Each structure stands twice: as C-alpha cells, then as structure tokens.
C-alpha cells in the first residue's frame, strides 16, 4: 500500500534517500574509492 511505502521511507536515514542533496556526490566518491581499492590491489599483485 502507499502507506507501507511512506512508512518505509520515513524510517530511512536521510543520507540513503534518493532525493538526498548529496546523493550523486556520494555515488561519485564511492566509485572513486572503489577504483582506488582496485588500483591498490593491482599494485600489490
């Protein structure tokens, strides 16, 4: 139901919401951190 959806979103931390102002910035930072991890693993190998 729509009520279930609203209740689920209300319990979410603000930073995890898709309409969070820093959503895209967080994604870009997460991708960069992941790429850094891959590069570090490659260097270790």
ModelCIF file with pLDDT and N, C-alpha, C, O atoms, coordinates in Angstrom:
data_MODEL
#
_entry.id   MODEL 
#
_entity.id                         1 
_entity.type                       polymer 
_entity.pdbx_number_of_molecules   1 
#
_entity_poly.entity_id                      1 
_entity_poly.type                           'polypeptide(L)' 
_entity_poly.nstd_linkage                   no 
_entity_poly.nstd_monomer                   no 
_entity_poly.pdbx_seq_one_letter_code       
;(UNK)(UNK)(UNK)(UNK)(UNK)(UNK)(UNK)(UNK)(UNK)(UNK)(UNK)(UNK)(UNK)(UNK)(UNK)(UNK)
(UNK)(UNK)(UNK)(UNK)(UNK)(UNK)(UNK)(UNK)(UNK)(UNK)(UNK)(UNK)(UNK)(UNK)(UNK)(UNK)
(UNK)(UNK)(UNK)(UNK)(UNK)(UNK)(UNK)(UNK)(UNK)(UNK)(UNK)(UNK)(UNK)
;
_entity_poly.pdbx_seq_one_letter_code_can   XXXXXXXXXXXXXXXXXXXXXXXXXXXXXXXXXXXXXXXXXXXXX 
_entity_poly.pdbx_strand_id                 A 
#
loop_
_entity_poly_seq.entity_id 
_entity_poly_seq.num 
_entity_poly_seq.mon_id 
_entity_poly_seq.hetero 
1 1  UNK n 
1 2  UNK n 
1 3  UNK n 
1 4  UNK n 
1 5  UNK n 
1 6  UNK n 
1 7  UNK n 
1 8  UNK n 
1 9  UNK n 
1 10 UNK n 
1 11 UNK n 
1 12 UNK n 
1 13 UNK n 
1 14 UNK n 
1 15 UNK n 
1 16 UNK n 
1 17 UNK n 
1 18 UNK n 
1 19 UNK n 
1 20 UNK n 
1 21 UNK n 
1 22 UNK n 
1 23 UNK n 
1 24 UNK n 
1 25 UNK n 
1 26 UNK n 
1 27 UNK n 
1 28 UNK n 
1 29 UNK n 
1 30 UNK n 
1 31 UNK n 
1 32 UNK n 
1 33 UNK n 
1 34 UNK n 
1 35 UNK n 
1 36 UNK n 
1 37 UNK n 
1 38 UNK n 
1 39 UNK n 
1 40 UNK n 
1 41 UNK n 
1 42 UNK n 
1 43 UNK n 
1 44 UNK n 
1 45 UNK n 
#
_struct_asym.id          A 
_struct_asym.entity_id   1 
#
loop_
_ma_qa_metric.id 
_ma_qa_metric.mode 
_ma_qa_metric.name 
_ma_qa_metric.software_group_id 
_ma_qa_metric.type 
1 global pLDDT . pLDDT 
2 local  pLDDT . pLDDT 
#
_ma_qa_metric_global.metric_id      1 
_ma_qa_metric_global.metric_value   93.93 
_ma_qa_metric_global.model_id       1 
_ma_qa_metric_global.ordinal_id     1 
#
loop_
_ma_qa_metric_local.label_asym_id 
_ma_qa_metric_local.label_comp_id 
_ma_qa_metric_local.label_seq_id 
_ma_qa_metric_local.metric_id 
_ma_qa_metric_local.metric_value 
_ma_qa_metric_local.model_id 
_ma_qa_metric_local.ordinal_id 
A UNK 1  2 96.00 1 1  
A UNK 2  2 96.00 1 2  
A UNK 3  2 97.00 1 3  
A UNK 4  2 96.00 1 4  
A UNK 5  2 96.00 1 5  
A UNK 6  2 96.00 1 6  
A UNK 7  2 96.00 1 7  
A UNK 8  2 95.00 1 8  
A UNK 9  2 95.00 1 9  
A UNK 10 2 95.00 1 10 
A UNK 11 2 95.00 1 11 
A UNK 12 2 94.00 1 12 
A UNK 13 2 91.00 1 13 
A UNK 14 2 90.00 1 14 
A UNK 15 2 87.00 1 15 
A UNK 16 2 89.00 1 16 
A UNK 17 2 93.00 1 17 
A UNK 18 2 93.00 1 18 
A UNK 19 2 92.00 1 19 
A UNK 20 2 91.00 1 20 
A UNK 21 2 92.00 1 21 
A UNK 22 2 92.00 1 22 
A UNK 23 2 91.00 1 23 
A UNK 24 2 93.00 1 24 
A UNK 25 2 94.00 1 25 
A UNK 26 2 93.00 1 26 
A UNK 27 2 94.00 1 27 
A UNK 28 2 95.00 1 28 
A UNK 29 2 96.00 1 29 
A UNK 30 2 95.00 1 30 
A UNK 31 2 95.00 1 31 
A UNK 32 2 96.00 1 32 
A UNK 33 2 96.00 1 33 
A UNK 34 2 95.00 1 34 
A UNK 35 2 95.00 1 35 
A UNK 36 2 95.00 1 36 
A UNK 37 2 95.00 1 37 
A UNK 38 2 94.00 1 38 
A UNK 39 2 95.00 1 39 
A UNK 40 2 94.00 1 40 
A UNK 41 2 94.00 1 41 
A UNK 42 2 94.00 1 42 
A UNK 43 2 94.00 1 43 
A UNK 44 2 94.00 1 44 
A UNK 45 2 93.00 1 45 
#
loop_
_atom_site.group_PDB 
_atom_site.id 
_atom_site.type_symbol 
_atom_site.label_atom_id 
_atom_site.label_alt_id 
_atom_site.label_comp_id 
_atom_site.label_asym_id 
_atom_site.label_entity_id 
_atom_site.label_seq_id 
_atom_site.pdbx_PDB_ins_code 
_atom_site.Cartn_x 
_atom_site.Cartn_y 
_atom_site.Cartn_z 
_atom_site.occupancy 
_atom_site.B_iso_or_equiv 
_atom_site.pdbx_formal_charge 
_atom_site.auth_seq_id 
_atom_site.auth_comp_id 
_atom_site.auth_asym_id 
_atom_site.auth_atom_id 
_atom_site.pdbx_PDB_model_num 
ATOM 1   N N  . UNK A 1 1  ? 0.842  -1.196 0.000  1.00 96.00 ? 1  UNK A N  1 
ATOM 2   C CA . UNK A 1 1  ? 0.000  0.000  0.000  1.00 96.00 ? 1  UNK A CA 1 
ATOM 3   C C  . UNK A 1 1  ? 0.879  1.249  0.000  1.00 96.00 ? 1  UNK A C  1 
ATOM 4   O O  . UNK A 1 1  ? 2.054  1.182  0.359  1.00 96.00 ? 1  UNK A O  1 
ATOM 5   N N  . UNK A 1 2  ? 0.319  2.375  -0.397 1.00 96.00 ? 2  UNK A N  1 
ATOM 6   C CA . UNK A 1 2  ? 1.077  3.627  -0.317 1.00 96.00 ? 2  UNK A CA 1 
ATOM 7   C C  . UNK A 1 2  ? 1.506  3.944  1.119  1.00 96.00 ? 2  UNK A C  1 
ATOM 8   O O  . UNK A 1 2  ? 2.568  4.528  1.338  1.00 96.00 ? 2  UNK A O  1 
ATOM 9   N N  . UNK A 1 3  ? 0.700  3.566  2.067  1.00 97.00 ? 3  UNK A N  1 
ATOM 10  C CA . UNK A 1 3  ? 1.044  3.818  3.482  1.00 97.00 ? 3  UNK A CA 1 
ATOM 11  C C  . UNK A 1 3  ? 2.294  3.038  3.882  1.00 97.00 ? 3  UNK A C  1 
ATOM 12  O O  . UNK A 1 3  ? 3.143  3.547  4.614  1.00 97.00 ? 3  UNK A O  1 
ATOM 13  N N  . UNK A 1 4  ? 2.404  1.801  3.399  1.00 96.00 ? 4  UNK A N  1 
ATOM 14  C CA . UNK A 1 4  ? 3.598  0.996  3.676  1.00 96.00 ? 4  UNK A CA 1 
ATOM 15  C C  . UNK A 1 4  ? 4.843  1.645  3.068  1.00 96.00 ? 4  UNK A C  1 
ATOM 16  O O  . UNK A 1 4  ? 5.913  1.659  3.677  1.00 96.00 ? 4  UNK A O  1 
ATOM 17  N N  . UNK A 1 5  ? 4.683  2.179  1.864  1.00 96.00 ? 5  UNK A N  1 
ATOM 18  C CA . UNK A 1 5  ? 5.803  2.835  1.193  1.00 96.00 ? 5  UNK A CA 1 
ATOM 19  C C  . UNK A 1 5  ? 6.249  4.066  1.980  1.00 96.00 ? 5  UNK A C  1 
ATOM 20  O O  . UNK A 1 5  ? 7.442  4.264  2.206  1.00 96.00 ? 5  UNK A O  1 
ATOM 21  N N  . UNK A 1 6  ? 5.300  4.881  2.390  1.00 96.00 ? 6  UNK A N  1 
ATOM 22  C CA . UNK A 1 6  ? 5.625  6.096  3.147  1.00 96.00 ? 6  UNK A CA 1 
ATOM 23  C C  . UNK A 1 6  ? 6.302  5.723  4.459  1.00 96.00 ? 6  UNK A C  1 
ATOM 24  O O  . UNK A 1 6  ? 7.278  6.363  4.853  1.00 96.00 ? 6  UNK A O  1 
ATOM 25  N N  . UNK A 1 7  ? 5.804  4.704  5.137  1.00 96.00 ? 7  UNK A N  1 
ATOM 26  C CA . UNK A 1 7  ? 6.397  4.276  6.408  1.00 96.00 ? 7  UNK A CA 1 
ATOM 27  C C  . UNK A 1 7  ? 7.833  3.802  6.209  1.00 96.00 ? 7  UNK A C  1 
ATOM 28  O O  . UNK A 1 7  ? 8.706  4.109  7.020  1.00 96.00 ? 7  UNK A O  1 
ATOM 29  N N  . UNK A 1 8  ? 8.085  3.052  5.128  1.00 95.00 ? 8  UNK A N  1 
ATOM 30  C CA . UNK A 1 8  ? 9.438  2.556  4.864  1.00 95.00 ? 8  UNK A CA 1 
ATOM 31  C C  . UNK A 1 8  ? 10.403 3.704  4.595  1.00 95.00 ? 8  UNK A C  1 
ATOM 32  O O  . UNK A 1 8  ? 11.534 3.694  5.082  1.00 95.00 ? 8  UNK A O  1 
ATOM 33  N N  . UNK A 1 9  ? 9.965  4.683  3.828  1.00 95.00 ? 9  UNK A N  1 
ATOM 34  C CA . UNK A 1 9  ? 10.837 5.820  3.511  1.00 95.00 ? 9  UNK A CA 1 
ATOM 35  C C  . UNK A 1 9  ? 11.093 6.654  4.756  1.00 95.00 ? 9  UNK A C  1 
ATOM 36  O O  . UNK A 1 9  ? 12.202 7.154  4.945  1.00 95.00 ? 9  UNK A O  1 
ATOM 37  N N  . UNK A 1 10 ? 10.101 6.810  5.597  1.00 95.00 ? 10 UNK A N  1 
ATOM 38  C CA . UNK A 1 10 ? 10.279 7.608  6.821  1.00 95.00 ? 10 UNK A CA 1 
ATOM 39  C C  . UNK A 1 10 ? 11.309 6.994  7.757  1.00 95.00 ? 10 UNK A C  1 
ATOM 40  O O  . UNK A 1 10 ? 11.961 7.713  8.514  1.00 95.00 ? 10 UNK A O  1 
ATOM 41  N N  . UNK A 1 11 ? 11.464 5.681  7.718  1.00 95.00 ? 11 UNK A N  1 
ATOM 42  C CA . UNK A 1 11 ? 12.442 5.034  8.608  1.00 95.00 ? 11 UNK A CA 1 
ATOM 43  C C  . UNK A 1 11 ? 13.859 5.056  8.047  1.00 95.00 ? 11 UNK A C  1 
ATOM 44  O O  . UNK A 1 11 ? 14.810 4.711  8.748  1.00 95.00 ? 11 UNK A O  1 
ATOM 45  N N  . UNK A 1 12 ? 14.004 5.460  6.785  1.00 94.00 ? 12 UNK A N  1 
ATOM 46  C CA . UNK A 1 12 ? 15.331 5.503  6.161  1.00 94.00 ? 12 UNK A CA 1 
ATOM 47  C C  . UNK A 1 12 ? 16.162 6.658  6.700  1.00 94.00 ? 12 UNK A C  1 
ATOM 48  O O  . UNK A 1 12 ? 15.626 7.729  6.984  1.00 94.00 ? 12 UNK A O  1 
ATOM 49  N N  . UNK A 1 13 ? 17.462 6.450  6.844  1.00 91.00 ? 13 UNK A N  1 
ATOM 50  C CA . UNK A 1 13 ? 18.322 7.600  7.135  1.00 91.00 ? 13 UNK A CA 1 
ATOM 51  C C  . UNK A 1 13 ? 18.268 8.574  5.951  1.00 91.00 ? 13 UNK A C  1 
ATOM 52  O O  . UNK A 1 13 ? 18.189 8.144  4.800  1.00 91.00 ? 13 UNK A O  1 
ATOM 53  N N  . UNK A 1 14 ? 18.307 9.838  6.219  1.00 90.00 ? 14 UNK A N  1 
ATOM 54  C CA . UNK A 1 14 ? 18.211 10.861 5.179  1.00 90.00 ? 14 UNK A CA 1 
ATOM 55  C C  . UNK A 1 14 ? 19.270 10.675 4.094  1.00 90.00 ? 14 UNK A C  1 
ATOM 56  O O  . UNK A 1 14 ? 18.984 10.861 2.911  1.00 90.00 ? 14 UNK A O  1 
ATOM 57  N N  . UNK A 1 15 ? 20.488 10.310 4.490  1.00 87.00 ? 15 UNK A N  1 
ATOM 58  C CA . UNK A 1 15 ? 21.580 10.201 3.516  1.00 87.00 ? 15 UNK A CA 1 
ATOM 59  C C  . UNK A 1 15 ? 21.381 9.050  2.535  1.00 87.00 ? 15 UNK A C  1 
ATOM 60  O O  . UNK A 1 15 ? 22.008 9.046  1.476  1.00 87.00 ? 15 UNK A O  1 
ATOM 61  N N  . UNK A 1 16 ? 20.526 8.068  2.851  1.00 89.00 ? 16 UNK A N  1 
ATOM 62  C CA . UNK A 1 16 ? 20.283 6.952  1.942  1.00 89.00 ? 16 UNK A CA 1 
ATOM 63  C C  . UNK A 1 16 ? 19.143 7.223  0.967  1.00 89.00 ? 16 UNK A C  1 
ATOM 64  O O  . UNK A 1 16 ? 18.911 6.443  0.044  1.00 89.00 ? 16 UNK A O  1 
ATOM 65  N N  . UNK A 1 17 ? 18.447 8.308  1.170  1.00 93.00 ? 17 UNK A N  1 
ATOM 66  C CA . UNK A 1 17 ? 17.310 8.610  0.307  1.00 93.00 ? 17 UNK A CA 1 
ATOM 67  C C  . UNK A 1 17 ? 17.789 9.095  -1.055 1.00 93.00 ? 17 UNK A C  1 
ATOM 68  O O  . UNK A 1 17 ? 18.796 9.794  -1.168 1.00 93.00 ? 17 UNK A O  1 
ATOM 69  N N  . UNK A 1 18 ? 17.053 8.712  -2.071 1.00 93.00 ? 18 UNK A N  1 
ATOM 70  C CA . UNK A 1 18 ? 17.433 9.061  -3.434 1.00 93.00 ? 18 UNK A CA 1 
ATOM 71  C C  . UNK A 1 18 ? 17.324 10.550 -3.702 1.00 93.00 ? 18 UNK A C  1 
ATOM 72  O O  . UNK A 1 18 ? 17.945 11.063 -4.633 1.00 93.00 ? 18 UNK A O  1 
ATOM 73  N N  . UNK A 1 19 ? 16.549 11.238 -2.903 1.00 92.00 ? 19 UNK A N  1 
ATOM 74  C CA . UNK A 1 19 ? 16.408 12.689 -3.076 1.00 92.00 ? 19 UNK A CA 1 
ATOM 75  C C  . UNK A 1 19 ? 17.322 13.473 -2.139 1.00 92.00 ? 19 UNK A C  1 
ATOM 76  O O  . UNK A 1 19 ? 17.158 14.682 -1.976 1.00 92.00 ? 19 UNK A O  1 
ATOM 77  N N  . UNK A 1 20 ? 18.276 12.791 -1.529 1.00 91.00 ? 20 UNK A N  1 
ATOM 78  C CA . UNK A 1 20 ? 19.249 13.457 -0.672 1.00 91.00 ? 20 UNK A CA 1 
ATOM 79  C C  . UNK A 1 20 ? 20.086 14.412 -1.525 1.00 91.00 ? 20 UNK A C  1 
ATOM 80  O O  . UNK A 1 20 ? 20.486 14.055 -2.633 1.00 91.00 ? 20 UNK A O  1 
ATOM 81  N N  . UNK A 1 21 ? 20.354 15.611 -1.027 1.00 92.00 ? 21 UNK A N  1 
ATOM 82  C CA . UNK A 1 21 ? 21.120 16.585 -1.824 1.00 92.00 ? 21 UNK A CA 1 
ATOM 83  C C  . UNK A 1 21 ? 22.511 16.095 -2.231 1.00 92.00 ? 21 UNK A C  1 
ATOM 84  O O  . UNK A 1 21 ? 23.039 16.519 -3.259 1.00 92.00 ? 21 UNK A O  1 
ATOM 85  N N  . UNK A 1 22 ? 23.105 15.210 -1.439 1.00 92.00 ? 22 UNK A N  1 
ATOM 86  C CA . UNK A 1 22 ? 24.461 14.748 -1.762 1.00 92.00 ? 22 UNK A CA 1 
ATOM 87  C C  . UNK A 1 22 ? 24.479 13.338 -2.357 1.00 92.00 ? 22 UNK A C  1 
ATOM 88  O O  . UNK A 1 22 ? 25.518 12.679 -2.371 1.00 92.00 ? 22 UNK A O  1 
ATOM 89  N N  . UNK A 1 23 ? 23.323 12.880 -2.849 1.00 91.00 ? 23 UNK A N  1 
ATOM 90  C CA . UNK A 1 23 ? 23.229 11.519 -3.379 1.00 91.00 ? 23 UNK A CA 1 
ATOM 91  C C  . UNK A 1 23 ? 24.235 11.267 -4.504 1.00 91.00 ? 23 UNK A C  1 
ATOM 92  O O  . UNK A 1 23 ? 24.979 10.287 -4.460 1.00 91.00 ? 23 UNK A O  1 
ATOM 93  N N  . UNK A 1 24 ? 24.264 12.132 -5.495 1.00 93.00 ? 24 UNK A N  1 
ATOM 94  C CA . UNK A 1 24 ? 25.161 11.947 -6.644 1.00 93.00 ? 24 UNK A CA 1 
ATOM 95  C C  . UNK A 1 24 ? 26.616 12.099 -6.216 1.00 93.00 ? 24 UNK A C  1 
ATOM 96  O O  . UNK A 1 24 ? 27.478 11.346 -6.670 1.00 93.00 ? 24 UNK A O  1 
ATOM 97  N N  . UNK A 1 25 ? 26.895 13.061 -5.351 1.00 94.00 ? 25 UNK A N  1 
ATOM 98  C CA . UNK A 1 25 ? 28.262 13.257 -4.870 1.00 94.00 ? 25 UNK A CA 1 
ATOM 99  C C  . UNK A 1 25 ? 28.743 12.022 -4.111 1.00 94.00 ? 25 UNK A C  1 
ATOM 100 O O  . UNK A 1 25 ? 29.882 11.590 -4.288 1.00 94.00 ? 25 UNK A O  1 
ATOM 101 N N  . UNK A 1 26 ? 27.889 11.457 -3.277 1.00 93.00 ? 26 UNK A N  1 
ATOM 102 C CA . UNK A 1 26 ? 28.247 10.244 -2.540 1.00 93.00 ? 26 UNK A CA 1 
ATOM 103 C C  . UNK A 1 26 ? 28.551 9.105  -3.506 1.00 93.00 ? 26 UNK A C  1 
ATOM 104 O O  . UNK A 1 26 ? 29.511 8.358  -3.314 1.00 93.00 ? 26 UNK A O  1 
ATOM 105 N N  . UNK A 1 27 ? 27.733 8.977  -4.540 1.00 94.00 ? 27 UNK A N  1 
ATOM 106 C CA . UNK A 1 27 ? 27.958 7.918  -5.526 1.00 94.00 ? 27 UNK A CA 1 
ATOM 107 C C  . UNK A 1 27 ? 29.319 8.102  -6.205 1.00 94.00 ? 27 UNK A C  1 
ATOM 108 O O  . UNK A 1 27 ? 30.085 7.147  -6.337 1.00 94.00 ? 27 UNK A O  1 
ATOM 109 N N  . UNK A 1 28 ? 29.606 9.295  -6.620 1.00 95.00 ? 28 UNK A N  1 
ATOM 110 C CA . UNK A 1 28 ? 30.891 9.562  -7.289 1.00 95.00 ? 28 UNK A CA 1 
ATOM 111 C C  . UNK A 1 28 ? 32.067 9.252  -6.362 1.00 95.00 ? 28 UNK A C  1 
ATOM 112 O O  . UNK A 1 28 ? 33.067 8.682  -6.798 1.00 95.00 ? 28 UNK A O  1 
ATOM 113 N N  . UNK A 1 29 ? 31.949 9.625  -5.090 1.00 96.00 ? 29 UNK A N  1 
ATOM 114 C CA . UNK A 1 29 ? 33.015 9.329  -4.127 1.00 96.00 ? 29 UNK A CA 1 
ATOM 115 C C  . UNK A 1 29 ? 33.141 7.826  -3.900 1.00 96.00 ? 29 UNK A C  1 
ATOM 116 O O  . UNK A 1 29 ? 34.252 7.311  -3.778 1.00 96.00 ? 29 UNK A O  1 
ATOM 117 N N  . UNK A 1 30 ? 32.025 7.127  -3.841 1.00 95.00 ? 30 UNK A N  1 
ATOM 118 C CA . UNK A 1 30 ? 32.050 5.675  -3.654 1.00 95.00 ? 30 UNK A CA 1 
ATOM 119 C C  . UNK A 1 30 ? 32.715 4.991  -4.839 1.00 95.00 ? 30 UNK A C  1 
ATOM 120 O O  . UNK A 1 30 ? 33.499 4.060  -4.656 1.00 95.00 ? 30 UNK A O  1 
ATOM 121 N N  . UNK A 1 31 ? 32.413 5.438  -6.042 1.00 95.00 ? 31 UNK A N  1 
ATOM 122 C CA . UNK A 1 31 ? 33.035 4.878  -7.250 1.00 95.00 ? 31 UNK A CA 1 
ATOM 123 C C  . UNK A 1 31 ? 34.534 5.150  -7.228 1.00 95.00 ? 31 UNK A C  1 
ATOM 124 O O  . UNK A 1 31 ? 35.328 4.255  -7.517 1.00 95.00 ? 31 UNK A O  1 
ATOM 125 N N  . UNK A 1 32 ? 34.930 6.370  -6.891 1.00 96.00 ? 32 UNK A N  1 
ATOM 126 C CA . UNK A 1 32 ? 36.351 6.717  -6.835 1.00 96.00 ? 32 UNK A CA 1 
ATOM 127 C C  . UNK A 1 32 ? 37.077 5.868  -5.790 1.00 96.00 ? 32 UNK A C  1 
ATOM 128 O O  . UNK A 1 32 ? 38.185 5.394  -6.040 1.00 96.00 ? 32 UNK A O  1 
ATOM 129 N N  . UNK A 1 33 ? 36.463 5.674  -4.630 1.00 96.00 ? 33 UNK A N  1 
ATOM 130 C CA . UNK A 1 33 ? 37.077 4.852  -3.579 1.00 96.00 ? 33 UNK A CA 1 
ATOM 131 C C  . UNK A 1 33 ? 37.219 3.405  -4.048 1.00 96.00 ? 33 UNK A C  1 
ATOM 132 O O  . UNK A 1 33 ? 38.242 2.768  -3.796 1.00 96.00 ? 33 UNK A O  1 
ATOM 133 N N  . UNK A 1 34 ? 36.212 2.893  -4.719 1.00 95.00 ? 34 UNK A N  1 
ATOM 134 C CA . UNK A 1 34 ? 36.278 1.532  -5.242 1.00 95.00 ? 34 UNK A CA 1 
ATOM 135 C C  . UNK A 1 34 ? 37.390 1.409  -6.284 1.00 95.00 ? 34 UNK A C  1 
ATOM 136 O O  . UNK A 1 34 ? 38.143 0.436  -6.272 1.00 95.00 ? 34 UNK A O  1 
ATOM 137 N N  . UNK A 1 35 ? 37.497 2.376  -7.172 1.00 95.00 ? 35 UNK A N  1 
ATOM 138 C CA . UNK A 1 35 ? 38.552 2.352  -8.184 1.00 95.00 ? 35 UNK A CA 1 
ATOM 139 C C  . UNK A 1 35 ? 39.931 2.440  -7.533 1.00 95.00 ? 35 UNK A C  1 
ATOM 140 O O  . UNK A 1 35 ? 40.877 1.802  -7.995 1.00 95.00 ? 35 UNK A O  1 
ATOM 141 N N  . UNK A 1 36 ? 40.049 3.228  -6.459 1.00 95.00 ? 36 UNK A N  1 
ATOM 142 C CA . UNK A 1 36 ? 41.310 3.301  -5.717 1.00 95.00 ? 36 UNK A CA 1 
ATOM 143 C C  . UNK A 1 36 ? 41.657 1.947  -5.102 1.00 95.00 ? 36 UNK A C  1 
ATOM 144 O O  . UNK A 1 36 ? 42.819 1.540  -5.111 1.00 95.00 ? 36 UNK A O  1 
ATOM 145 N N  . UNK A 1 37 ? 40.650 1.245  -4.565 1.00 95.00 ? 37 UNK A N  1 
ATOM 146 C CA . UNK A 1 37 ? 40.873 -0.085 -3.991 1.00 95.00 ? 37 UNK A CA 1 
ATOM 147 C C  . UNK A 1 37 ? 41.379 -1.050 -5.061 1.00 95.00 ? 37 UNK A C  1 
ATOM 148 O O  . UNK A 1 37 ? 42.321 -1.808 -4.832 1.00 95.00 ? 37 UNK A O  1 
ATOM 149 N N  . UNK A 1 38 ? 40.743 -1.014 -6.229 1.00 94.00 ? 38 UNK A N  1 
ATOM 150 C CA . UNK A 1 38 ? 41.182 -1.880 -7.319 1.00 94.00 ? 38 UNK A CA 1 
ATOM 151 C C  . UNK A 1 38 ? 42.616 -1.574 -7.735 1.00 94.00 ? 38 UNK A C  1 
ATOM 152 O O  . UNK A 1 38 ? 43.409 -2.489 -7.960 1.00 94.00 ? 38 UNK A O  1 
ATOM 153 N N  . UNK A 1 39 ? 42.949 -0.296 -7.835 1.00 95.00 ? 39 UNK A N  1 
ATOM 154 C CA . UNK A 1 39 ? 44.307 0.101  -8.219 1.00 95.00 ? 39 UNK A CA 1 
ATOM 155 C C  . UNK A 1 39 ? 45.316 -0.361 -7.170 1.00 95.00 ? 39 UNK A C  1 
ATOM 156 O O  . UNK A 1 39 ? 46.401 -0.821 -7.525 1.00 95.00 ? 39 UNK A O  1 
ATOM 157 N N  . UNK A 1 40 ? 44.980 -0.249 -5.896 1.00 94.00 ? 40 UNK A N  1 
ATOM 158 C CA . UNK A 1 40 ? 45.884 -0.694 -4.831 1.00 94.00 ? 40 UNK A CA 1 
ATOM 159 C C  . UNK A 1 40 ? 46.089 -2.205 -4.897 1.00 94.00 ? 40 UNK A C  1 
ATOM 160 O O  . UNK A 1 40 ? 47.213 -2.680 -4.732 1.00 94.00 ? 40 UNK A O  1 
ATOM 161 N N  . UNK A 1 41 ? 45.030 -2.962 -5.135 1.00 94.00 ? 41 UNK A N  1 
ATOM 162 C CA . UNK A 1 41 ? 45.154 -4.415 -5.273 1.00 94.00 ? 41 UNK A CA 1 
ATOM 163 C C  . UNK A 1 41 ? 46.045 -4.768 -6.457 1.00 94.00 ? 41 UNK A C  1 
ATOM 164 O O  . UNK A 1 41 ? 46.884 -5.664 -6.373 1.00 94.00 ? 41 UNK A O  1 
ATOM 165 N N  . UNK A 1 42 ? 45.851 -4.052 -7.560 1.00 94.00 ? 42 UNK A N  1 
ATOM 166 C CA . UNK A 1 42 ? 46.645 -4.299 -8.763 1.00 94.00 ? 42 UNK A CA 1 
ATOM 167 C C  . UNK A 1 42 ? 48.126 -4.031 -8.473 1.00 94.00 ? 42 UNK A C  1 
ATOM 168 O O  . UNK A 1 42 ? 48.993 -4.805 -8.877 1.00 94.00 ? 42 UNK A O  1 
ATOM 169 N N  . UNK A 1 43 ? 48.407 -2.927 -7.769 1.00 94.00 ? 43 UNK A N  1 
ATOM 170 C CA . UNK A 1 43 ? 49.798 -2.601 -7.426 1.00 94.00 ? 43 UNK A CA 1 
ATOM 171 C C  . UNK A 1 43 ? 50.401 -3.672 -6.513 1.00 94.00 ? 43 UNK A C  1 
ATOM 172 O O  . UNK A 1 43 ? 51.557 -4.054 -6.693 1.00 94.00 ? 43 UNK A O  1 
ATOM 173 N N  . UNK A 1 44 ? 49.637 -4.155 -5.543 1.00 94.00 ? 44 UNK A N  1 
ATOM 174 C CA . UNK A 1 44 ? 50.143 -5.193 -4.637 1.00 94.00 ? 44 UNK A CA 1 
ATOM 175 C C  . UNK A 1 44 ? 50.465 -6.474 -5.409 1.00 94.00 ? 44 UNK A C  1 
ATOM 176 O O  . UNK A 1 44 ? 51.491 -7.110 -5.166 1.00 94.00 ? 44 UNK A O  1 
ATOM 177 N N  . UNK A 1 45 ? 49.582 -6.847 -6.339 1.00 93.00 ? 45 UNK A N  1 
ATOM 178 C CA . UNK A 1 45 ? 49.837 -8.046 -7.150 1.00 93.00 ? 45 UNK A CA 1 
ATOM 179 C C  . UNK A 1 45 ? 51.086 -7.863 -8.010 1.00 93.00 ? 45 UNK A C  1 
ATOM 180 O O  . UNK A 1 45 ? 51.458 -8.767 -8.759 1.00 93.00 ? 45 UNK A O  1 
#
